[in-house]
Amino acid sequence: RLRESFGAYCWFVDVSFASGALGHLDLTLPVRMDWHEGFQIYGEN
């Protein structure tokens, strides 16, 4: 899903990994805040 508004672009990307894991990517710019980048992983152990 892509939204464009007030000069900003936001891609929300649902990802299917070959392993079967679920994925979600957020590419948004420019945001009205500090640089915001990172990741979170949920695993078995």
All heavy atoms as atom14 arrays in JSON, in Angstrom:
{
  "sequence": "RLRESFGAYCWFVDVSFASGALGHLDLTLPVRMDWHEGFQIYGEN",
  "atom14_mask": [
    [1, 1, 1, 1, 1, 1, 1, 1, 1, 1, 1, 0, 0, 0],
    [1, 1, 1, 1, 1, 1, 1, 1, 0, 0, 0, 0, 0, 0],
    [1, 1, 1, 1, 1, 1, 1, 1, 1, 1, 1, 0, 0, 0],
    [1, 1, 1, 1, 1, 1, 1, 1, 1, 0, 0, 0, 0, 0],
    [1, 1, 1, 1, 1, 1, 0, 0, 0, 0, 0, 0, 0, 0],
    [1, 1, 1, 1, 1, 1, 1, 1, 1, 1, 1, 0, 0, 0],
    [1, 1, 1, 1, 0, 0, 0, 0, 0, 0, 0, 0, 0, 0],
    [1, 1, 1, 1, 1, 0, 0, 0, 0, 0, 0, 0, 0, 0],
    [1, 1, 1, 1, 1, 1, 1, 1, 1, 1, 1, 1, 0, 0],
    [1, 1, 1, 1, 1, 1, 0, 0, 0, 0, 0, 0, 0, 0],
    [1, 1, 1, 1, 1, 1, 1, 1, 1, 1, 1, 1, 1, 1],
    [1, 1, 1, 1, 1, 1, 1, 1, 1, 1, 1, 0, 0, 0],
    [1, 1, 1, 1, 1, 1, 1, 0, 0, 0, 0, 0, 0, 0],
    [1, 1, 1, 1, 1, 1, 1, 1, 0, 0, 0, 0, 0, 0],
    [1, 1, 1, 1, 1, 1, 1, 0, 0, 0, 0, 0, 0, 0],
    [1, 1, 1, 1, 1, 1, 0, 0, 0, 0, 0, 0, 0, 0],
    [1, 1, 1, 1, 1, 1, 1, 1, 1, 1, 1, 0, 0, 0],
    [1, 1, 1, 1, 1, 0, 0, 0, 0, 0, 0, 0, 0, 0],
    [1, 1, 1, 1, 1, 1, 0, 0, 0, 0, 0, 0, 0, 0],
    [1, 1, 1, 1, 0, 0, 0, 0, 0, 0, 0, 0, 0, 0],
    [1, 1, 1, 1, 1, 0, 0, 0, 0, 0, 0, 0, 0, 0],
    [1, 1, 1, 1, 1, 1, 1, 1, 0, 0, 0, 0, 0, 0],
    [1, 1, 1, 1, 0, 0, 0, 0, 0, 0, 0, 0, 0, 0],
    [1, 1, 1, 1, 1, 1, 1, 1, 1, 1, 0, 0, 0, 0],
    [1, 1, 1, 1, 1, 1, 1, 1, 0, 0, 0, 0, 0, 0],
    [1, 1, 1, 1, 1, 1, 1, 1, 0, 0, 0, 0, 0, 0],
    [1, 1, 1, 1, 1, 1, 1, 1, 0, 0, 0, 0, 0, 0],
    [1, 1, 1, 1, 1, 1, 1, 0, 0, 0, 0, 0, 0, 0],
    [1, 1, 1, 1, 1, 1, 1, 1, 0, 0, 0, 0, 0, 0],
    [1, 1, 1, 1, 1, 1, 1, 0, 0, 0, 0, 0, 0, 0],
    [1, 1, 1, 1, 1, 1, 1, 0, 0, 0, 0, 0, 0, 0],
    [1, 1, 1, 1, 1, 1, 1, 1, 1, 1, 1, 0, 0, 0],
    [1, 1, 1, 1, 1, 1, 1, 1, 0, 0, 0, 0, 0, 0],
    [1, 1, 1, 1, 1, 1, 1, 1, 0, 0, 0, 0, 0, 0],
    [1, 1, 1, 1, 1, 1, 1, 1, 1, 1, 1, 1, 1, 1],
    [1, 1, 1, 1, 1, 1, 1, 1, 1, 1, 0, 0, 0, 0],
    [1, 1, 1, 1, 1, 1, 1, 1, 1, 0, 0, 0, 0, 0],
    [1, 1, 1, 1, 0, 0, 0, 0, 0, 0, 0, 0, 0, 0],
    [1, 1, 1, 1, 1, 1, 1, 1, 1, 1, 1, 0, 0, 0],
    [1, 1, 1, 1, 1, 1, 1, 1, 1, 0, 0, 0, 0, 0],
    [1, 1, 1, 1, 1, 1, 1, 1, 0, 0, 0, 0, 0, 0],
    [1, 1, 1, 1, 1, 1, 1, 1, 1, 1, 1, 1, 0, 0],
    [1, 1, 1, 1, 0, 0, 0, 0, 0, 0, 0, 0, 0, 0],
    [1, 1, 1, 1, 1, 1, 1, 1, 1, 0, 0, 0, 0, 0],
    [1, 1, 1, 1, 1, 1, 1, 1, 0, 0, 0, 0, 0, 0]
  ],
  "atom14_positions": [
    [[0.86, -1.18, 0.0], [0.0, 0.0, 0.0], [0.9, 1.23, 0.0], [1.87, 1.28, 0.74], [-0.91, 0.02, 1.23], [-2.02, -1.03, 1.2], [-2.84, -0.98, 2.47], [-2.06, -1.4, 3.63], [-2.35, -1.07, 4.88], [-3.38, -0.27, 5.15], [-1.6, -1.51, 5.88], [0.0, 0.0, 0.0], [0.0, 0.0, 0.0], [0.0, 0.0, 0.0]],
    [[0.55, 2.21, -0.83], [1.32, 3.44, -0.93], [0.39, 4.63, -0.75], [-0.67, 4.7, -1.39], [2.02, 3.53, -2.29], [2.63, 4.88, -2.67], [3.76, 5.27, -1.72], [3.14, 4.85, -4.11], [0.0, 0.0, 0.0], [0.0, 0.0, 0.0], [0.0, 0.0, 0.0], [0.0, 0.0, 0.0], [0.0, 0.0, 0.0], [0.0, 0.0, 0.0]],
    [[0.81, 5.56, 0.09], [0.06, 6.81, 0.24], [1.01, 7.98, 0.05], [2.13, 7.97, 0.58], [-0.6, 6.9, 1.61], [-1.48, 8.17, 1.69], [-2.2, 8.35, 2.99], [-3.04, 9.55, 2.92], [-3.45, 10.23, 3.96], [-3.13, 9.84, 5.18], [-4.21, 11.3, 3.81], [0.0, 0.0, 0.0], [0.0, 0.0, 0.0], [0.0, 0.0, 0.0]],
    [[0.55, 8.99, -0.7], [1.28, 10.24, -0.89], [0.44, 11.36, -0.31], [-0.73, 11.51, -0.66], [1.54, 10.5, -2.37], [2.26, 9.37, -3.08], [2.29, 9.59, -4.59], [2.41, 10.77, -5.02], [2.18, 8.6, -5.33], [0.0, 0.0, 0.0], [0.0, 0.0, 0.0], [0.0, 0.0, 0.0], [0.0, 0.0, 0.0], [0.0, 0.0, 0.0]],
    [[1.03, 12.16, 0.57], [0.3, 13.27, 1.17], [1.29, 14.3, 1.71], [2.37, 13.93, 2.2], [-0.6, 12.76, 2.31], [-1.4, 13.8, 2.82], [0.0, 0.0, 0.0], [0.0, 0.0, 0.0], [0.0, 0.0, 0.0], [0.0, 0.0, 0.0], [0.0, 0.0, 0.0], [0.0, 0.0, 0.0], [0.0, 0.0, 0.0], [0.0, 0.0, 0.0]],
    [[0.95, 15.56, 1.62], [1.75, 16.71, 2.07], [3.24, 16.58, 1.73], [4.13, 16.93, 2.51], [1.54, 17.02, 3.56], [1.77, 15.89, 4.53], [3.04, 15.59, 5.01], [0.7, 15.14, 4.99], [3.25, 14.56, 5.91], [0.89, 14.12, 5.91], [2.17, 13.82, 6.37], [0.0, 0.0, 0.0], [0.0, 0.0, 0.0], [0.0, 0.0, 0.0]],
    [[3.52, 16.06, 0.53], [4.9, 15.91, 0.08], [5.62, 14.72, 0.65], [6.84, 14.59, 0.45], [0.0, 0.0, 0.0], [0.0, 0.0, 0.0], [0.0, 0.0, 0.0], [0.0, 0.0, 0.0], [0.0, 0.0, 0.0], [0.0, 0.0, 0.0], [0.0, 0.0, 0.0], [0.0, 0.0, 0.0], [0.0, 0.0, 0.0], [0.0, 0.0, 0.0]],
    [[4.93, 13.85, 1.37], [5.54, 12.66, 1.96], [5.0, 11.42, 1.28], [3.88, 11.39, 0.77], [5.26, 12.61, 3.46], [0.0, 0.0, 0.0], [0.0, 0.0, 0.0], [0.0, 0.0, 0.0], [0.0, 0.0, 0.0], [0.0, 0.0, 0.0], [0.0, 0.0, 0.0], [0.0, 0.0, 0.0], [0.0, 0.0, 0.0], [0.0, 0.0, 0.0]],
    [[5.83, 10.36, 1.3], [5.46, 9.08, 0.69], [5.58, 7.99, 1.75], [6.56, 7.95, 2.49], [6.4, 8.75, -0.47], [6.3, 9.7, -1.64], [6.86, 10.98, -1.59], [5.66, 9.32, -2.82], [6.77, 11.84, -2.67], [5.56, 10.17, -3.91], [6.13, 11.44, -3.83], [6.04, 12.3, -4.89], [0.0, 0.0, 0.0], [0.0, 0.0, 0.0]],
    [[4.6, 7.11, 1.78], [4.6, 6.01, 2.75], [4.26, 4.7, 2.04], [3.17, 4.56, 1.5], [3.61, 6.27, 3.88], [3.5, 4.93, 5.09], [0.0, 0.0, 0.0], [0.0, 0.0, 0.0], [0.0, 0.0, 0.0], [0.0, 0.0, 0.0], [0.0, 0.0, 0.0], [0.0, 0.0, 0.0], [0.0, 0.0, 0.0], [0.0, 0.0, 0.0]],
    [[5.24, 3.8, 2.03], [5.01, 2.45, 1.53], [4.9, 1.51, 2.73], [5.84, 1.42, 3.53], [6.19, 1.97, 0.69], [6.36, 2.57, -0.67], [5.95, 2.04, -1.86], [7.07, 3.77, -1.0], [6.34, 2.84, -2.9], [7.04, 3.92, -2.4], [7.73, 4.75, -0.24], [7.63, 4.99, -3.06], [8.32, 5.82, -0.89], [8.26, 5.93, -2.29]],
    [[3.79, 0.8, 2.85], [3.66, -0.31, 3.79], [3.71, -1.59, 2.96], [2.85, -1.81, 2.09], [2.34, -0.24, 4.58], [2.4, 0.68, 5.78], [3.55, 1.38, 6.11], [1.29, 0.84, 6.59], [3.61, 2.22, 7.21], [1.33, 1.67, 7.7], [2.49, 2.36, 8.01], [0.0, 0.0, 0.0], [0.0, 0.0, 0.0], [0.0, 0.0, 0.0]],
    [[4.71, -2.41, 3.22], [4.98, -3.58, 2.39], [4.83, -4.85, 3.23], [5.64, -5.09, 4.15], [6.41, -3.52, 1.8], [6.65, -4.71, 0.86], [6.64, -2.2, 1.08], [0.0, 0.0, 0.0], [0.0, 0.0, 0.0], [0.0, 0.0, 0.0], [0.0, 0.0, 0.0], [0.0, 0.0, 0.0], [0.0, 0.0, 0.0], [0.0, 0.0, 0.0]],
    [[3.83, -5.64, 2.94], [3.71, -6.96, 3.56], [4.57, -7.93, 2.75], [4.46, -8.01, 1.53], [2.27, -7.43, 3.59], [1.44, -6.68, 4.62], [2.03, -6.21, 5.62], [0.23, -6.53, 4.43], [0.0, 0.0, 0.0], [0.0, 0.0, 0.0], [0.0, 0.0, 0.0], [0.0, 0.0, 0.0], [0.0, 0.0, 0.0], [0.0, 0.0, 0.0]],
    [[5.43, -8.66, 3.45], [6.44, -9.5, 2.81], [6.19, -10.96, 3.14], [5.92, -11.32, 4.29], [7.85, -9.09, 3.29], [8.9, -10.08, 2.82], [8.2, -7.69, 2.82], [0.0, 0.0, 0.0], [0.0, 0.0, 0.0], [0.0, 0.0, 0.0], [0.0, 0.0, 0.0], [0.0, 0.0, 0.0], [0.0, 0.0, 0.0], [0.0, 0.0, 0.0]],
    [[6.32, -11.8, 2.11], [6.34, -13.25, 2.32], [7.77, -13.73, 2.13], [8.34, -13.59, 1.04], [5.42, -13.95, 1.31], [4.08, -13.57, 1.48], [0.0, 0.0, 0.0], [0.0, 0.0, 0.0], [0.0, 0.0, 0.0], [0.0, 0.0, 0.0], [0.0, 0.0, 0.0], [0.0, 0.0, 0.0], [0.0, 0.0, 0.0], [0.0, 0.0, 0.0]],
    [[8.37, -14.24, 3.2], [9.72, -14.79, 3.12], [9.66, -16.26, 2.7], [8.68, -16.96, 2.99], [10.43, -14.69, 4.47], [10.83, -13.29, 4.85], [10.1, -12.57, 5.8], [11.94, -12.69, 4.27], [10.47, -11.29, 6.16], [12.32, -11.41, 4.62], [11.58, -10.7, 5.56], [0.0, 0.0, 0.0], [0.0, 0.0, 0.0], [0.0, 0.0, 0.0]],
    [[10.71, -16.73, 2.06], [10.78, -18.12, 1.63], [10.69, -19.08, 2.82], [10.19, -20.2, 2.68], [12.06, -18.37, 0.85], [0.0, 0.0, 0.0], [0.0, 0.0, 0.0], [0.0, 0.0, 0.0], [0.0, 0.0, 0.0], [0.0, 0.0, 0.0], [0.0, 0.0, 0.0], [0.0, 0.0, 0.0], [0.0, 0.0, 0.0], [0.0, 0.0, 0.0]],
    [[11.15, -18.65, 3.97], [11.12, -19.49, 5.17], [9.71, -19.67, 5.74], [9.5, -20.53, 6.6], [11.99, -18.86, 6.26], [11.42, -17.63, 6.71], [0.0, 0.0, 0.0], [0.0, 0.0, 0.0], [0.0, 0.0, 0.0], [0.0, 0.0, 0.0], [0.0, 0.0, 0.0], [0.0, 0.0, 0.0], [0.0, 0.0, 0.0], [0.0, 0.0, 0.0]],
    [[8.78, -18.85, 5.29], [7.43, -18.85, 5.87], [7.23, -17.76, 6.89], [6.08, -17.51, 7.31], [0.0, 0.0, 0.0], [0.0, 0.0, 0.0], [0.0, 0.0, 0.0], [0.0, 0.0, 0.0], [0.0, 0.0, 0.0], [0.0, 0.0, 0.0], [0.0, 0.0, 0.0], [0.0, 0.0, 0.0], [0.0, 0.0, 0.0], [0.0, 0.0, 0.0]],
    [[8.31, -17.08, 7.29], [8.18, -15.98, 8.25], [7.37, -14.84, 7.63], [7.41, -14.6, 6.42], [9.55, -15.48, 8.67], [0.0, 0.0, 0.0], [0.0, 0.0, 0.0], [0.0, 0.0, 0.0], [0.0, 0.0, 0.0], [0.0, 0.0, 0.0], [0.0, 0.0, 0.0], [0.0, 0.0, 0.0], [0.0, 0.0, 0.0], [0.0, 0.0, 0.0]],
    [[6.64, -14.14, 8.49], [5.91, -12.96, 8.05], [6.82, -11.75, 8.09], [7.73, -11.66, 8.92], [4.7, -12.72, 8.96], [3.67, -13.83, 9.06], [2.55, -13.42, 10.01], [3.11, -14.19, 7.68], [0.0, 0.0, 0.0], [0.0, 0.0, 0.0], [0.0, 0.0, 0.0], [0.0, 0.0, 0.0], [0.0, 0.0, 0.0], [0.0, 0.0, 0.0]],
    [[6.58, -10.79, 7.2], [7.38, -9.59, 7.19], [6.56, -8.36, 6.94], [5.52, -8.41, 6.25], [0.0, 0.0, 0.0], [0.0, 0.0, 0.0], [0.0, 0.0, 0.0], [0.0, 0.0, 0.0], [0.0, 0.0, 0.0], [0.0, 0.0, 0.0], [0.0, 0.0, 0.0], [0.0, 0.0, 0.0], [0.0, 0.0, 0.0], [0.0, 0.0, 0.0]],
    [[7.0, -7.24, 7.5], [6.37, -5.94, 7.23], [7.46, -4.89, 7.14], [8.27, -4.73, 8.07], [5.37, -5.56, 8.32], [4.73, -4.23, 8.08], [3.71, -4.05, 7.18], [4.99, -3.0, 8.59], [3.36, -2.77, 7.15], [4.13, -2.11, 8.01], [0.0, 0.0, 0.0], [0.0, 0.0, 0.0], [0.0, 0.0, 0.0], [0.0, 0.0, 0.0]],
    [[7.49, -4.17, 6.02], [8.46, -3.1, 5.81], [7.74, -1.77, 5.72], [6.69, -1.66, 5.08], [9.26, -3.34, 4.52], [9.91, -4.71, 4.35], [10.69, -4.76, 3.05], [10.8, -5.04, 5.54], [0.0, 0.0, 0.0], [0.0, 0.0, 0.0], [0.0, 0.0, 0.0], [0.0, 0.0, 0.0], [0.0, 0.0, 0.0], [0.0, 0.0, 0.0]],
    [[8.32, -0.76, 6.35], [7.77, 0.59, 6.35], [8.84, 1.53, 5.79], [9.88, 1.75, 6.41], [7.4, 0.97, 7.79], [7.07, 2.46, 7.98], [7.05, 3.22, 6.99], [6.86, 2.86, 9.15], [0.0, 0.0, 0.0], [0.0, 0.0, 0.0], [0.0, 0.0, 0.0], [0.0, 0.0, 0.0], [0.0, 0.0, 0.0], [0.0, 0.0, 0.0]],
    [[8.58, 2.06, 4.6], [9.44, 3.07, 3.99], [8.65, 4.36, 3.93], [7.7, 4.47, 3.14], [9.88, 2.64, 2.59], [10.74, 3.65, 1.82], [12.1, 3.83, 2.49], [10.93, 3.21, 0.37], [0.0, 0.0, 0.0], [0.0, 0.0, 0.0], [0.0, 0.0, 0.0], [0.0, 0.0, 0.0], [0.0, 0.0, 0.0], [0.0, 0.0, 0.0]],
    [[9.0, 5.31, 4.77], [8.26, 6.57, 4.85], [9.24, 7.72, 4.86], [10.2, 7.72, 5.62], [7.39, 6.64, 6.12], [6.51, 5.51, 6.15], [6.56, 7.92, 6.14], [0.0, 0.0, 0.0], [0.0, 0.0, 0.0], [0.0, 0.0, 0.0], [0.0, 0.0, 0.0], [0.0, 0.0, 0.0], [0.0, 0.0, 0.0], [0.0, 0.0, 0.0]],
    [[8.99, 8.71, 3.99], [9.9, 9.85, 3.94], [9.29, 11.01, 3.13], [8.56, 10.77, 2.18], [11.25, 9.44, 3.36], [11.35, 8.82, 1.96], [12.81, 8.85, 1.53], [10.87, 7.39, 1.91], [0.0, 0.0, 0.0], [0.0, 0.0, 0.0], [0.0, 0.0, 0.0], [0.0, 0.0, 0.0], [0.0, 0.0, 0.0], [0.0, 0.0, 0.0]],
    [[9.62, 12.21, 3.63], [10.33, 12.48, 4.88], [9.34, 12.57, 6.05], [8.28, 13.18, 5.93], [10.98, 13.84, 4.62], [10.04, 14.53, 3.67], [9.42, 13.45, 2.84], [0.0, 0.0, 0.0], [0.0, 0.0, 0.0], [0.0, 0.0, 0.0], [0.0, 0.0, 0.0], [0.0, 0.0, 0.0], [0.0, 0.0, 0.0], [0.0, 0.0, 0.0]],
    [[9.71, 11.95, 7.18], [8.87, 12.02, 8.36], [9.16, 13.29, 9.14], [10.26, 13.85, 9.05], [9.08, 10.8, 9.3], [8.54, 9.55, 8.65], [10.54, 10.65, 9.68], [0.0, 0.0, 0.0], [0.0, 0.0, 0.0], [0.0, 0.0, 0.0], [0.0, 0.0, 0.0], [0.0, 0.0, 0.0], [0.0, 0.0, 0.0], [0.0, 0.0, 0.0]],
    [[8.17, 13.75, 9.87], [8.32, 14.95, 10.71], [8.72, 14.52, 12.11], [7.95, 14.53, 13.06], [7.01, 15.73, 10.74], [6.79, 16.68, 9.57], [6.81, 16.01, 8.21], [6.43, 16.97, 7.16], [6.5, 16.72, 5.86], [6.93, 15.54, 5.44], [6.14, 17.64, 4.98], [0.0, 0.0, 0.0], [0.0, 0.0, 0.0], [0.0, 0.0, 0.0]],
    [[9.95, 14.07, 12.22], [10.51, 13.6, 13.48], [11.99, 13.35, 13.23], [12.51, 13.68, 12.16], [9.81, 12.32, 13.97], [9.91, 11.16, 12.98], [8.99, 9.68, 13.46], [9.93, 9.15, 14.88], [0.0, 0.0, 0.0], [0.0, 0.0, 0.0], [0.0, 0.0, 0.0], [0.0, 0.0, 0.0], [0.0, 0.0, 0.0], [0.0, 0.0, 0.0]],
    [[12.66, 12.75, 14.2], [14.06, 12.39, 14.02], [14.16, 11.24, 13.03], [13.17, 10.55, 12.74], [14.67, 11.99, 15.37], [16.19, 11.93, 15.35], [16.79, 12.31, 14.31], [16.78, 11.53, 16.37], [0.0, 0.0, 0.0], [0.0, 0.0, 0.0], [0.0, 0.0, 0.0], [0.0, 0.0, 0.0], [0.0, 0.0, 0.0], [0.0, 0.0, 0.0]],
    [[15.35, 11.04, 12.47], [15.63, 9.86, 11.64], [15.14, 8.63, 12.39], [15.46, 8.42, 13.56], [17.13, 9.77, 11.38], [17.55, 8.64, 10.51], [17.66, 7.33, 10.85], [17.95, 8.73, 9.15], [18.11, 6.59, 9.78], [18.29, 7.42, 8.73], [18.08, 9.78, 8.23], [18.74, 7.13, 7.44], [18.52, 9.5, 6.96], [18.85, 8.19, 6.57]],
    [[14.34, 7.8, 11.72], [13.68, 6.68, 12.38], [13.94, 5.43, 11.55], [13.35, 5.23, 10.49], [12.18, 6.97, 12.48], [11.38, 5.91, 13.18], [11.67, 5.47, 14.44], [10.29, 5.22, 12.78], [10.79, 4.54, 14.8], [9.94, 4.37, 13.81], [0.0, 0.0, 0.0], [0.0, 0.0, 0.0], [0.0, 0.0, 0.0], [0.0, 0.0, 0.0]],
    [[14.84, 4.58, 12.03], [15.2, 3.38, 11.3], [15.5, 2.26, 12.29], [16.07, 2.5, 13.35], [16.42, 3.64, 10.42], [16.82, 2.45, 9.56], [18.06, 2.71, 8.72], [18.59, 3.83, 8.74], [18.52, 1.75, 8.05], [0.0, 0.0, 0.0], [0.0, 0.0, 0.0], [0.0, 0.0, 0.0], [0.0, 0.0, 0.0], [0.0, 0.0, 0.0]],
    [[15.13, 1.03, 11.91], [15.42, -0.1, 12.78], [14.69, -1.34, 12.35], [14.1, -1.4, 11.25], [0.0, 0.0, 0.0], [0.0, 0.0, 0.0], [0.0, 0.0, 0.0], [0.0, 0.0, 0.0], [0.0, 0.0, 0.0], [0.0, 0.0, 0.0], [0.0, 0.0, 0.0], [0.0, 0.0, 0.0], [0.0, 0.0, 0.0], [0.0, 0.0, 0.0]],
    [[14.68, -2.34, 13.22], [13.99, -3.59, 12.91], [13.68, -4.34, 14.2], [14.27, -4.08, 15.26], [14.81, -4.48, 11.97], [16.21, -4.76, 12.42], [16.5, -5.83, 13.26], [17.26, -3.96, 11.97], [17.8, -6.09, 13.67], [18.58, -4.22, 12.37], [18.84, -5.28, 13.22], [0.0, 0.0, 0.0], [0.0, 0.0, 0.0], [0.0, 0.0, 0.0]],
    [[12.72, -5.24, 14.09], [12.31, -6.09, 15.21], [12.1, -7.49, 14.68], [11.49, -7.68, 13.62], [11.02, -5.56, 15.85], [10.69, -6.15, 17.19], [9.7, -5.29, 17.97], [9.18, -4.32, 17.44], [9.44, -5.64, 19.2], [0.0, 0.0, 0.0], [0.0, 0.0, 0.0], [0.0, 0.0, 0.0], [0.0, 0.0, 0.0], [0.0, 0.0, 0.0]],
    [[12.63, -8.48, 15.39], [12.54, -9.86, 14.96], [12.0, -10.7, 16.1], [12.47, -10.6, 17.24], [13.92, -10.41, 14.53], [14.53, -9.54, 13.44], [13.79, -11.86, 14.05], [15.97, -9.9, 13.09], [0.0, 0.0, 0.0], [0.0, 0.0, 0.0], [0.0, 0.0, 0.0], [0.0, 0.0, 0.0], [0.0, 0.0, 0.0], [0.0, 0.0, 0.0]],
    [[11.02, -11.53, 15.81], [10.47, -12.47, 16.78], [10.92, -13.88, 16.4], [10.63, -14.34, 15.28], [8.94, -12.42, 16.79], [8.36, -11.04, 16.99], [7.3, -10.61, 16.2], [8.86, -10.18, 17.96], [6.74, -9.35, 16.38], [8.32, -8.92, 18.14], [7.26, -8.51, 17.34], [6.73, -7.25, 17.51], [0.0, 0.0, 0.0], [0.0, 0.0, 0.0]],
    [[11.63, -14.55, 17.3], [12.15, -15.88, 16.99], [11.77, -16.91, 18.03], [11.22, -16.6, 19.1], [0.0, 0.0, 0.0], [0.0, 0.0, 0.0], [0.0, 0.0, 0.0], [0.0, 0.0, 0.0], [0.0, 0.0, 0.0], [0.0, 0.0, 0.0], [0.0, 0.0, 0.0], [0.0, 0.0, 0.0], [0.0, 0.0, 0.0], [0.0, 0.0, 0.0]],
    [[12.1, -18.14, 17.74], [11.77, -19.28, 18.6], [12.48, -19.21, 19.94], [11.89, -19.51, 20.98], [12.16, -20.57, 17.86], [11.87, -21.85, 18.6], [12.3, -23.06, 17.82], [12.97, -22.91, 16.77], [11.99, -24.2, 18.27], [0.0, 0.0, 0.0], [0.0, 0.0, 0.0], [0.0, 0.0, 0.0], [0.0, 0.0, 0.0], [0.0, 0.0, 0.0]],
    [[13.75, -18.8, 19.93], [14.54, -18.8, 21.16], [14.97, -17.41, 21.59], [15.93, -17.26, 22.37], [15.79, -19.67, 20.96], [15.44, -21.1, 20.62], [14.57, -21.7, 21.23], [16.12, -21.64, 19.61], [0.0, 0.0, 0.0], [0.0, 0.0, 0.0], [0.0, 0.0, 0.0], [0.0, 0.0, 0.0], [0.0, 0.0, 0.0], [0.0, 0.0, 0.0]]
  ]
}
